[in-house]
Amino acid sequence: MLLTTEVAVFEEIDSTVIEKFFRDLPENAFHLGMRVLLALLFFFIGAQCIKLFRRIIKRSLERANADVGVSQFIDSFIKIGTYAILIMLIATSFGVDAASIIAVLGSAGVAIGLALQGSLSNLAGGVLILILKPFKVGDYIIEDTNKNEGTVSEIQIFYTKLTTPDNKTIVLPNGNLANSSLTNVTHAPYRRNEIKIGISYDSDIKTAKKVLQQLLDNDSAVLHDMEKLVFVDELADSSVVIGVRCWFKHDDFWTGRWRLLEEAKYALEENGVSIPYPQLDVHIQQEK
């Protein structure tokens, strides 16, 4: 009899709880929906404030004439940090204790560090790039390990982006760039051009040198206040190799080089200096 009474009491309690749950469900759902809407509204407002803050920082850096790479790095760092703070604030509005979040992150710091050691290496590499400045935005670099090359378009917190001459984008980890050798082609304002032209052994060397020297003297893109040389570089198997050295600004380098090569051929031929094909003399001796 006692067992039957206890079962009846439990059934009555369960029915009361269920009834109360369904009675309060619309109100609880309404409150939860309002909190979600407020959280979304808060996130939207926070995102707009973050954009405004980032814009102010960018303008401040521009007025301070900060390097473009530094501005991009600081902007990406601020973006990640402020969004993390915004998400934490929204989480606390749902009853999540901020101290608990910090404690969990602190206790998981070692695991996170091991899991993200590649990303942390890229972050440290980005900091080193900004401090040591082996290159900046706008420089043309060649990464010596994998021979990736292009113009630096962005220096982000973890990666650096290169734009190739055929308008492809190469994304390189900052850690690799900071820990490997690279060639900065445009670091200096000028670049030396060197071309080699083979003339036949029957041609007059002095005439060839005079013609090539005149080309250098008459070319408007050649920097005439810097070294200009025309010299015999090698006595090769099929030709006498004449070397030509001069200096161009970076913007004029390739067009100047191509122009000199084309004009050198025409000028040498007009002055009777031939450019030979590779040739091999074979002597056959008959047995007596």
C-alpha atoms as a PDB file:
ATOM      1  CA  MET A   1       0.000   0.000   0.000  1.00  0.00           C
ATOM      2  CA  LEU A   2       2.842   2.359   0.878  1.00  0.00           C
ATOM      3  CA  LEU A   3       4.589   1.618  -2.436  1.00  0.00           C
ATOM      4  CA  THR A   4       1.440   2.404  -4.359  1.00  0.00           C
ATOM      5  CA  THR A   5       1.097   5.715  -2.568  1.00  0.00           C
ATOM      6  CA  GLU A   6       4.728   6.686  -3.375  1.00  0.00           C
ATOM      7  CA  VAL A   7       4.233   5.847  -7.048  1.00  0.00           C
ATOM      8  CA  ALA A   8       1.139   8.005  -7.153  1.00  0.00           C
ATOM      9  CA  VAL A   9       3.010  10.883  -5.539  1.00  0.00           C
ATOM     10  CA  PHE A  10       5.874  10.616  -8.064  1.00  0.00           C
ATOM     11  CA  GLU A  11       3.422  10.497 -10.965  1.00  0.00           C
ATOM     12  CA  GLU A  12       1.683  13.559  -9.615  1.00  0.00           C
ATOM     13  CA  ILE A  13       5.030  15.368  -9.271  1.00  0.00           C
ATOM     14  CA  ASP A  14       6.079  14.363 -12.804  1.00  0.00           C
ATOM     15  CA  SER A  15       2.796  15.540 -14.263  1.00  0.00           C
ATOM     16  CA  THR A  16       3.113  18.807 -12.361  1.00  0.00           C
ATOM     17  CA  VAL A  17       6.666  19.356 -13.643  1.00  0.00           C
ATOM     18  CA  ILE A  18       5.709  18.556 -17.213  1.00  0.00           C
ATOM     19  CA  GLU A  19       2.658  20.760 -17.001  1.00  0.00           C
ATOM     20  CA  LYS A  20       4.742  23.622 -15.605  1.00  0.00           C
ATOM     21  CA  PHE A  21       7.376  23.086 -18.343  1.00  0.00           C
ATOM     22  CA  PHE A  22       4.847  23.388 -21.167  1.00  0.00           C
ATOM     23  CA  ARG A  23       3.099  26.283 -19.429  1.00  0.00           C
ATOM     24  CA  ASP A  24       6.372  28.217 -19.119  1.00  0.00           C
ATOM     25  CA  LEU A  25       7.750  27.126 -22.526  1.00  0.00           C
ATOM     26  CA  PRO A  26       6.357  30.065 -24.566  1.00  0.00           C
ATOM     27  CA  GLU A  27       7.643  32.607 -22.056  1.00  0.00           C
ATOM     28  CA  ASN A  28      11.080  30.946 -21.830  1.00  0.00           C
ATOM     29  CA  ALA A  29      11.297  30.671 -25.617  1.00  0.00           C
ATOM     30  CA  PHE A  30      10.363  34.335 -25.927  1.00  0.00           C
ATOM     31  CA  HIS A  31      13.065  35.360 -23.437  1.00  0.00           C
ATOM     32  CA  LEU A  32      15.658  33.151 -25.170  1.00  0.00           C
ATOM     33  CA  GLY A  33      14.714  34.561 -28.560  1.00  0.00           C
ATOM     34  CA  MET A  34      15.002  38.108 -27.238  1.00  0.00           C
ATOM     35  CA  ARG A  35      18.459  37.345 -25.814  1.00  0.00           C
ATOM     36  CA  VAL A  36      19.571  35.854 -29.133  1.00  0.00           C
ATOM     37  CA  LEU A  37      18.254  38.879 -31.029  1.00  0.00           C
ATOM     38  CA  LEU A  38      19.958  41.237 -28.578  1.00  0.00           C
ATOM     39  CA  ALA A  39      23.188  39.247 -28.932  1.00  0.00           C
ATOM     40  CA  LEU A  40      22.994  39.503 -32.734  1.00  0.00           C
ATOM     41  CA  LEU A  41      22.245  43.220 -32.472  1.00  0.00           C
ATOM     42  CA  PHE A  42      25.144  43.656 -30.061  1.00  0.00           C
ATOM     43  CA  PHE A  43      27.440  41.737 -32.437  1.00  0.00           C
ATOM     44  CA  PHE A  44      26.358  43.922 -35.377  1.00  0.00           C
ATOM     45  CA  ILE A  45      26.915  47.135 -33.413  1.00  0.00           C
ATOM     46  CA  GLY A  46      30.225  45.828 -32.102  1.00  0.00           C
ATOM     47  CA  ALA A  47      31.361  44.885 -35.607  1.00  0.00           C
ATOM     48  CA  GLN A  48      30.584  48.399 -36.852  1.00  0.00           C
ATOM     49  CA  CYS A  49      32.497  49.889 -33.912  1.00  0.00           C
ATOM     50  CA  ILE A  50      35.450  47.626 -34.689  1.00  0.00           C
ATOM     51  CA  LYS A  51      35.435  48.775 -38.334  1.00  0.00           C
ATOM     52  CA  LEU A  52      35.324  52.409 -37.203  1.00  0.00           C
ATOM     53  CA  PHE A  53      38.171  51.818 -34.732  1.00  0.00           C
ATOM     54  CA  ARG A  54      40.269  50.098 -37.391  1.00  0.00           C
ATOM     55  CA  ARG A  55      39.618  52.957 -39.811  1.00  0.00           C
ATOM     56  CA  ILE A  56      40.757  55.498 -37.208  1.00  0.00           C
ATOM     57  CA  ILE A  57      43.937  53.499 -36.538  1.00  0.00           C
ATOM     58  CA  LYS A  58      44.663  53.246 -40.281  1.00  0.00           C
ATOM     59  CA  ARG A  59      44.297  56.988 -40.757  1.00  0.00           C
ATOM     60  CA  SER A  60      46.521  57.655 -37.758  1.00  0.00           C
ATOM     61  CA  LEU A  61      49.211  55.381 -39.165  1.00  0.00           C
ATOM     62  CA  GLU A  62      48.920  57.030 -42.584  1.00  0.00           C
ATOM     63  CA  ARG A  63      49.355  60.485 -41.019  1.00  0.00           C
ATOM     64  CA  ALA A  64      52.400  59.143 -39.168  1.00  0.00           C
ATOM     65  CA  ASN A  65      53.819  57.895 -42.522  1.00  0.00           C
ATOM     66  CA  ALA A  66      53.998  54.352 -41.178  1.00  0.00           C
ATOM     67  CA  ASP A  67      55.109  51.599 -43.525  1.00  0.00           C
ATOM     68  CA  VAL A  68      52.252  49.928 -45.410  1.00  0.00           C
ATOM     69  CA  GLY A  69      53.294  46.507 -44.118  1.00  0.00           C
ATOM     70  CA  VAL A  70      53.234  47.756 -40.518  1.00  0.00           C
ATOM     71  CA  SER A  71      49.752  49.194 -41.054  1.00  0.00           C
ATOM     72  CA  GLN A  72      48.474  45.922 -42.512  1.00  0.00           C
ATOM     73  CA  PHE A  73      50.004  43.873 -39.688  1.00  0.00           C
ATOM     74  CA  ILE A  74      48.577  46.112 -36.936  1.00  0.00           C
ATOM     75  CA  ASP A  75      45.175  46.146 -38.634  1.00  0.00           C
ATOM     76  CA  SER A  76      44.961  42.341 -38.817  1.00  0.00           C
ATOM     77  CA  PHE A  77      46.143  42.049 -35.183  1.00  0.00           C
ATOM     78  CA  ILE A  78      43.519  44.547 -33.988  1.00  0.00           C
ATOM     79  CA  LYS A  79      40.818  42.782 -36.009  1.00  0.00           C
ATOM     80  CA  ILE A  80      41.492  39.381 -34.426  1.00  0.00           C
ATOM     81  CA  GLY A  81      41.857  40.779 -30.909  1.00  0.00           C
ATOM     82  CA  THR A  82      38.745  42.977 -30.927  1.00  0.00           C
ATOM     83  CA  TYR A  83      36.523  40.273 -32.392  1.00  0.00           C
ATOM     84  CA  ALA A  84      37.748  37.846 -29.708  1.00  0.00           C
ATOM     85  CA  ILE A  85      36.810  40.370 -27.010  1.00  0.00           C
ATOM     86  CA  LEU A  86      33.414  40.979 -28.636  1.00  0.00           C
ATOM     87  CA  ILE A  87      32.600  37.260 -28.725  1.00  0.00           C
ATOM     88  CA  MET A  88      33.649  36.901 -25.079  1.00  0.00           C
ATOM     89  CA  LEU A  89      31.342  39.759 -24.075  1.00  0.00           C
ATOM     90  CA  ILE A  90      28.435  38.169 -25.921  1.00  0.00           C
ATOM     91  CA  ALA A  91      29.156  34.828 -24.239  1.00  0.00           C
ATOM     92  CA  THR A  92      29.028  36.445 -20.796  1.00  0.00           C
ATOM     93  CA  SER A  93      25.579  37.825 -21.614  1.00  0.00           C
ATOM     94  CA  PHE A  94      24.382  34.207 -21.864  1.00  0.00           C
ATOM     95  CA  GLY A  95      25.613  33.479 -18.366  1.00  0.00           C
ATOM     96  CA  VAL A  96      29.108  32.267 -19.209  1.00  0.00           C
ATOM     97  CA  ASP A  97      31.527  33.465 -16.544  1.00  0.00           C
ATOM     98  CA  ALA A  98      34.413  35.465 -18.056  1.00  0.00           C
ATOM     99  CA  ALA A  99      36.726  34.316 -15.261  1.00  0.00           C
ATOM    100  CA  SER A 100      35.920  30.718 -16.118  1.00  0.00           C
ATOM    101  CA  ILE A 101      36.734  31.382 -19.780  1.00  0.00           C
ATOM    102  CA  ILE A 102      40.076  32.929 -18.851  1.00  0.00           C
ATOM    103  CA  ALA A 103      40.848  30.053 -16.494  1.00  0.00           C
ATOM    104  CA  VAL A 104      40.038  27.473 -19.152  1.00  0.00           C
ATOM    105  CA  LEU A 105      42.140  29.285 -21.724  1.00  0.00           C
ATOM    106  CA  GLY A 106      44.987  29.551 -19.256  1.00  0.00           C
ATOM    107  CA  SER A 107      44.914  25.877 -18.363  1.00  0.00           C
ATOM    108  CA  ALA A 108      44.685  24.945 -22.038  1.00  0.00           C
ATOM    109  CA  GLY A 109      47.475  27.324 -23.002  1.00  0.00           C
ATOM    110  CA  VAL A 110      50.100  24.614 -23.345  1.00  0.00           C
ATOM    111  CA  ALA A 111      47.865  22.449 -25.520  1.00  0.00           C
ATOM    112  CA  ILE A 112      46.847  25.423 -27.643  1.00  0.00           C
ATOM    113  CA  GLY A 113      50.478  26.448 -27.991  1.00  0.00           C
ATOM    114  CA  LEU A 114      51.470  22.984 -29.207  1.00  0.00           C
ATOM    115  CA  ALA A 115      48.522  22.818 -31.596  1.00  0.00           C
ATOM    116  CA  LEU A 116      49.187  26.284 -32.983  1.00  0.00           C
ATOM    117  CA  GLN A 117      52.981  26.260 -32.945  1.00  0.00           C
ATOM    118  CA  GLY A 118      53.042  26.741 -36.733  1.00  0.00           C
ATOM    119  CA  SER A 119      50.743  29.762 -36.486  1.00  0.00           C
ATOM    120  CA  LEU A 120      52.731  31.172 -33.552  1.00  0.00           C
ATOM    121  CA  SER A 121      55.897  30.748 -35.615  1.00  0.00           C
ATOM    122  CA  ASN A 122      54.244  32.692 -38.442  1.00  0.00           C
ATOM    123  CA  LEU A 123      53.176  35.404 -35.975  1.00  0.00           C
ATOM    124  CA  ALA A 124      56.731  35.707 -34.635  1.00  0.00           C
ATOM    125  CA  GLY A 125      58.020  35.732 -38.215  1.00  0.00           C
ATOM    126  CA  GLY A 126      55.666  38.582 -39.079  1.00  0.00           C
ATOM    127  CA  VAL A 127      56.938  40.595 -36.114  1.00  0.00           C
ATOM    128  CA  LEU A 128      60.550  39.981 -37.181  1.00  0.00           C
ATOM    129  CA  ILE A 129      59.779  41.039 -40.749  1.00  0.00           C
ATOM    130  CA  LEU A 130      58.295  44.309 -39.521  1.00  0.00           C
ATOM    131  CA  ILE A 131      61.212  44.963 -37.157  1.00  0.00           C
ATOM    132  CA  LEU A 132      64.129  43.925 -39.389  1.00  0.00           C
ATOM    133  CA  LYS A 133      62.434  45.004 -42.670  1.00  0.00           C
ATOM    134  CA  PRO A 134      64.081  42.607 -45.152  1.00  0.00           C
ATOM    135  CA  PHE A 135      61.332  43.755 -47.513  1.00  0.00           C
ATOM    136  CA  LYS A 136      58.286  46.014 -47.559  1.00  0.00           C
ATOM    137  CA  VAL A 137      55.063  46.294 -49.507  1.00  0.00           C
ATOM    138  CA  GLY A 138      55.904  47.081 -53.127  1.00  0.00           C
ATOM    139  CA  ASP A 139      59.268  45.260 -53.162  1.00  0.00           C
ATOM    140  CA  TYR A 140      59.916  42.473 -55.653  1.00  0.00           C
ATOM    141  CA  ILE A 141      61.371  39.490 -53.800  1.00  0.00           C
ATOM    142  CA  ILE A 142      62.511  35.955 -54.658  1.00  0.00           C
ATOM    143  CA  GLU A 143      62.102  33.353 -51.929  1.00  0.00           C
ATOM    144  CA  ASP A 144      65.222  31.211 -52.346  1.00  0.00           C
ATOM    145  CA  THR A 145      63.904  27.938 -50.867  1.00  0.00           C
ATOM    146  CA  ASN A 146      61.062  27.248 -53.316  1.00  0.00           C
ATOM    147  CA  LYS A 147      61.907  30.008 -55.823  1.00  0.00           C
ATOM    148  CA  ASN A 148      58.575  31.804 -55.350  1.00  0.00           C
ATOM    149  CA  GLU A 149      58.810  35.393 -56.545  1.00  0.00           C
ATOM    150  CA  GLY A 150      56.622  38.431 -56.995  1.00  0.00           C
ATOM    151  CA  THR A 151      55.769  41.898 -55.731  1.00  0.00           C
ATOM    152  CA  VAL A 152      54.815  42.091 -52.040  1.00  0.00           C
ATOM    153  CA  SER A 153      51.170  43.177 -51.911  1.00  0.00           C
ATOM    154  CA  GLU A 154      50.291  42.497 -48.249  1.00  0.00           C
ATOM    155  CA  ILE A 155      52.065  41.660 -44.994  1.00  0.00           C
ATOM    156  CA  GLN A 156      49.443  40.096 -42.719  1.00  0.00           C
ATOM    157  CA  ILE A 157      49.721  38.796 -39.181  1.00  0.00           C
ATOM    158  CA  PHE A 158      50.450  35.223 -40.298  1.00  0.00           C
ATOM    159  CA  TYR A 159      51.069  35.374 -44.057  1.00  0.00           C
ATOM    160  CA  THR A 160      52.635  37.553 -46.741  1.00  0.00           C
ATOM    161  CA  LYS A 161      51.045  37.810 -50.176  1.00  0.00           C
ATOM    162  CA  LEU A 162      53.001  38.179 -53.406  1.00  0.00           C
ATOM    163  CA  THR A 163      51.621  39.185 -56.795  1.00  0.00           C
ATOM    164  CA  THR A 164      53.436  37.569 -59.711  1.00  0.00           C
ATOM    165  CA  PRO A 165      54.085  39.370 -63.029  1.00  0.00           C
ATOM    166  CA  ASP A 166      51.210  37.373 -64.595  1.00  0.00           C
ATOM    167  CA  ASN A 167      48.876  38.542 -61.785  1.00  0.00           C
ATOM    168  CA  LYS A 168      48.788  35.385 -59.680  1.00  0.00           C
ATOM    169  CA  THR A 169      48.732  35.584 -55.881  1.00  0.00           C
ATOM    170  CA  ILE A 170      51.247  33.581 -53.832  1.00  0.00           C
ATOM    171  CA  VAL A 171      50.602  33.233 -50.078  1.00  0.00           C
ATOM    172  CA  LEU A 172      53.761  32.555 -48.030  1.00  0.00           C
ATOM    173  CA  PRO A 173      53.923  31.841 -44.260  1.00  0.00           C
ATOM    174  CA  ASN A 174      55.811  34.556 -42.399  1.00  0.00           C
ATOM    175  CA  GLY A 175      57.728  31.929 -40.418  1.00  0.00           C
ATOM    176  CA  ASN A 176      59.280  30.514 -43.585  1.00  0.00           C
ATOM    177  CA  LEU A 177      60.178  33.961 -44.890  1.00  0.00           C
ATOM    178  CA  ALA A 178      61.796  34.964 -41.598  1.00  0.00           C
ATOM    179  CA  ASN A 179      63.833  31.752 -41.321  1.00  0.00           C
ATOM    180  CA  SER A 180      65.040  31.344 -44.908  1.00  0.00           C
ATOM    181  CA  SER A 181      67.091  33.387 -47.331  1.00  0.00           C
ATOM    182  CA  LEU A 182      65.460  35.606 -49.926  1.00  0.00           C
ATOM    183  CA  THR A 183      66.485  38.053 -52.608  1.00  0.00           C
ATOM    184  CA  ASN A 184      65.046  41.576 -52.547  1.00  0.00           C
ATOM    185  CA  VAL A 185      65.384  42.669 -56.155  1.00  0.00           C
ATOM    186  CA  THR A 186      64.071  46.216 -55.685  1.00  0.00           C
ATOM    187  CA  HIS A 187      65.598  47.111 -52.325  1.00  0.00           C
ATOM    188  CA  ALA A 188      68.016  49.627 -53.884  1.00  0.00           C
ATOM    189  CA  PRO A 189      66.687  52.397 -56.155  1.00  0.00           C
ATOM    190  CA  TYR A 190      68.876  51.331 -59.118  1.00  0.00           C
ATOM    191  CA  ARG A 191      69.694  48.044 -60.771  1.00  0.00           C
ATOM    192  CA  ARG A 192      72.666  47.090 -62.901  1.00  0.00           C
ATOM    193  CA  ASN A 193      71.982  45.618 -66.322  1.00  0.00           C
ATOM    194  CA  GLU A 194      74.479  43.269 -67.944  1.00  0.00           C
ATOM    195  CA  ILE A 195      74.159  41.761 -71.405  1.00  0.00           C
ATOM    196  CA  LYS A 196      76.627  39.602 -73.316  1.00  0.00           C
ATOM    197  CA  ILE A 197      76.886  39.594 -77.102  1.00  0.00           C
ATOM    198  CA  GLY A 198      79.062  37.223 -79.102  1.00  0.00           C
ATOM    199  CA  ILE A 199      80.764  38.510 -82.247  1.00  0.00           C
ATOM    200  CA  SER A 200      82.715  36.484 -84.791  1.00  0.00           C
ATOM    201  CA  TYR A 201      86.486  36.215 -84.566  1.00  0.00           C
ATOM    202  CA  ASP A 202      86.719  37.857 -87.998  1.00  0.00           C
ATOM    203  CA  SER A 203      84.942  41.029 -86.787  1.00  0.00           C
ATOM    204  CA  ASP A 204      86.822  44.041 -85.457  1.00  0.00           C
ATOM    205  CA  ILE A 205      86.587  44.169 -81.657  1.00  0.00           C
ATOM    206  CA  LYS A 206      87.261  47.917 -81.470  1.00  0.00           C
ATOM    207  CA  THR A 207      84.432  48.658 -83.886  1.00  0.00           C
ATOM    208  CA  ALA A 208      82.034  46.467 -81.916  1.00  0.00           C
ATOM    209  CA  LYS A 209      82.971  48.146 -78.643  1.00  0.00           C
ATOM    210  CA  LYS A 210      82.592  51.614 -80.164  1.00  0.00           C
ATOM    211  CA  VAL A 211      79.123  50.798 -81.552  1.00  0.00           C
ATOM    212  CA  LEU A 212      77.914  49.396 -78.236  1.00  0.00           C
ATOM    213  CA  GLN A 213      79.361  52.346 -76.306  1.00  0.00           C
ATOM    214  CA  GLN A 214      77.455  54.751 -78.553  1.00  0.00           C
ATOM    215  CA  LEU A 215      74.257  52.829 -77.857  1.00  0.00           C
ATOM    216  CA  LEU A 216      74.759  53.342 -74.145  1.00  0.00           C
ATOM    217  CA  ASP A 217      75.568  57.028 -74.575  1.00  0.00           C
ATOM    218  CA  ASN A 218      72.437  57.660 -76.685  1.00  0.00           C
ATOM    219  CA  ASP A 219      69.940  55.694 -74.578  1.00  0.00           C
ATOM    220  CA  SER A 220      67.864  58.110 -72.479  1.00  0.00           C
ATOM    221  CA  ALA A 221      66.974  55.503 -69.819  1.00  0.00           C
ATOM    222  CA  VAL A 222      70.595  54.631 -69.037  1.00  0.00           C
ATOM    223  CA  LEU A 223      71.852  56.461 -65.942  1.00  0.00           C
ATOM    224  CA  HIS A 224      74.784  58.345 -67.426  1.00  0.00           C
ATOM    225  CA  ASP A 225      76.180  59.502 -64.093  1.00  0.00           C
ATOM    226  CA  MET A 226      76.797  55.879 -63.110  1.00  0.00           C
ATOM    227  CA  GLU A 227      79.272  53.321 -64.421  1.00  0.00           C
ATOM    228  CA  LYS A 228      78.980  52.266 -68.084  1.00  0.00           C
ATOM    229  CA  LEU A 229      81.293  49.555 -69.364  1.00  0.00           C
ATOM    230  CA  VAL A 230      81.873  47.781 -72.673  1.00  0.00           C
ATOM    231  CA  PHE A 231      84.532  45.057 -72.465  1.00  0.00           C
ATOM    232  CA  VAL A 232      85.726  41.719 -73.802  1.00  0.00           C
ATOM    233  CA  ASP A 233      84.220  39.216 -71.416  1.00  0.00           C
ATOM    234  CA  GLU A 234      85.347  35.896 -72.913  1.00  0.00           C
ATOM    235  CA  LEU A 235      87.113  34.284 -75.841  1.00  0.00           C
ATOM    236  CA  ALA A 236      84.568  31.526 -76.367  1.00  0.00           C
ATOM    237  CA  ASP A 237      84.661  28.550 -78.734  1.00  0.00           C
ATOM    238  CA  SER A 238      82.607  30.186 -81.493  1.00  0.00           C
ATOM    239  CA  SER A 239      82.743  33.894 -80.712  1.00  0.00           C
ATOM    240  CA  VAL A 240      84.338  36.768 -78.860  1.00  0.00           C
ATOM    241  CA  VAL A 241      81.912  37.655 -76.074  1.00  0.00           C
ATOM    242  CA  ILE A 242      81.471  41.394 -75.518  1.00  0.00           C
ATOM    243  CA  GLY A 243      80.023  42.421 -72.144  1.00  0.00           C
ATOM    244  CA  VAL A 244      77.888  45.538 -71.715  1.00  0.00           C
ATOM    245  CA  ARG A 245      77.112  46.955 -68.267  1.00  0.00           C
ATOM    246  CA  CYS A 246      75.008  49.957 -67.343  1.00  0.00           C
ATOM    247  CA  TRP A 247      72.479  51.065 -64.713  1.00  0.00           C
ATOM    248  CA  PHE A 248      68.744  51.631 -64.918  1.00  0.00           C
ATOM    249  CA  LYS A 249      66.060  52.685 -62.513  1.00  0.00           C
ATOM    250  CA  HIS A 250      63.890  49.750 -61.485  1.00  0.00           C
ATOM    251  CA  ASP A 251      60.937  50.870 -63.573  1.00  0.00           C
ATOM    252  CA  ASP A 252      63.133  51.067 -66.695  1.00  0.00           C
ATOM    253  CA  PHE A 253      65.160  47.893 -66.186  1.00  0.00           C
ATOM    254  CA  TRP A 254      63.377  45.329 -68.358  1.00  0.00           C
ATOM    255  CA  THR A 255      62.271  47.685 -71.120  1.00  0.00           C
ATOM    256  CA  GLY A 256      65.796  49.143 -71.232  1.00  0.00           C
ATOM    257  CA  ARG A 257      67.399  45.706 -71.387  1.00  0.00           C
ATOM    258  CA  TRP A 258      65.140  44.507 -74.195  1.00  0.00           C
ATOM    259  CA  ARG A 259      65.677  47.716 -76.151  1.00  0.00           C
ATOM    260  CA  LEU A 260      69.473  47.507 -75.861  1.00  0.00           C
ATOM    261  CA  LEU A 261      69.523  43.898 -77.044  1.00  0.00           C
ATOM    262  CA  GLU A 262      67.431  44.689 -80.114  1.00  0.00           C
ATOM    263  CA  GLU A 263      69.284  47.875 -81.039  1.00  0.00           C
ATOM    264  CA  ALA A 264      72.668  46.209 -80.486  1.00  0.00           C
ATOM    265  CA  LYS A 265      71.921  43.589 -83.135  1.00  0.00           C
ATOM    266  CA  TYR A 266      70.870  46.169 -85.733  1.00  0.00           C
ATOM    267  CA  ALA A 267      73.768  48.519 -84.967  1.00  0.00           C
ATOM    268  CA  LEU A 268      76.411  45.786 -85.104  1.00  0.00           C
ATOM    269  CA  GLU A 269      75.123  44.439 -88.417  1.00  0.00           C
ATOM    270  CA  GLU A 270      75.046  47.954 -89.947  1.00  0.00           C
ATOM    271  CA  ASN A 271      78.711  48.385 -89.019  1.00  0.00           C
ATOM    272  CA  GLY A 272      79.831  45.051 -90.464  1.00  0.00           C
ATOM    273  CA  VAL A 273      80.107  43.199 -87.158  1.00  0.00           C
ATOM    274  CA  SER A 274      78.569  39.725 -87.434  1.00  0.00           C
ATOM    275  CA  ILE A 275      76.985  37.705 -84.654  1.00  0.00           C
ATOM    276  CA  PRO A 276      77.856  34.074 -85.450  1.00  0.00           C
ATOM    277  CA  TYR A 277      75.940  30.879 -84.935  1.00  0.00           C
ATOM    278  CA  PRO A 278      77.594  28.294 -82.689  1.00  0.00           C
ATOM    279  CA  GLN A 279      80.001  26.420 -84.906  1.00  0.00           C
ATOM    280  CA  LEU A 280      82.496  23.591 -84.763  1.00  0.00           C
ATOM    281  CA  ASP A 281      85.448  23.137 -87.111  1.00  0.00           C
ATOM    282  CA  VAL A 282      86.160  19.479 -87.912  1.00  0.00           C
ATOM    283  CA  HIS A 283      89.484  18.489 -89.510  1.00  0.00           C
ATOM    284  CA  ILE A 284      89.680  15.110 -91.258  1.00  0.00           C
ATOM    285  CA  GLN A 285      93.086  13.640 -91.813  1.00  0.00           C
ATOM    286  CA  GLN A 286      93.357  10.857 -94.337  1.00  0.00           C
ATOM    287  CA  GLU A 287      95.717   7.987 -93.717  1.00  0.00           C
ATOM    288  CA  LYS A 288      98.517   7.638 -96.220  1.00  0.00           C
END
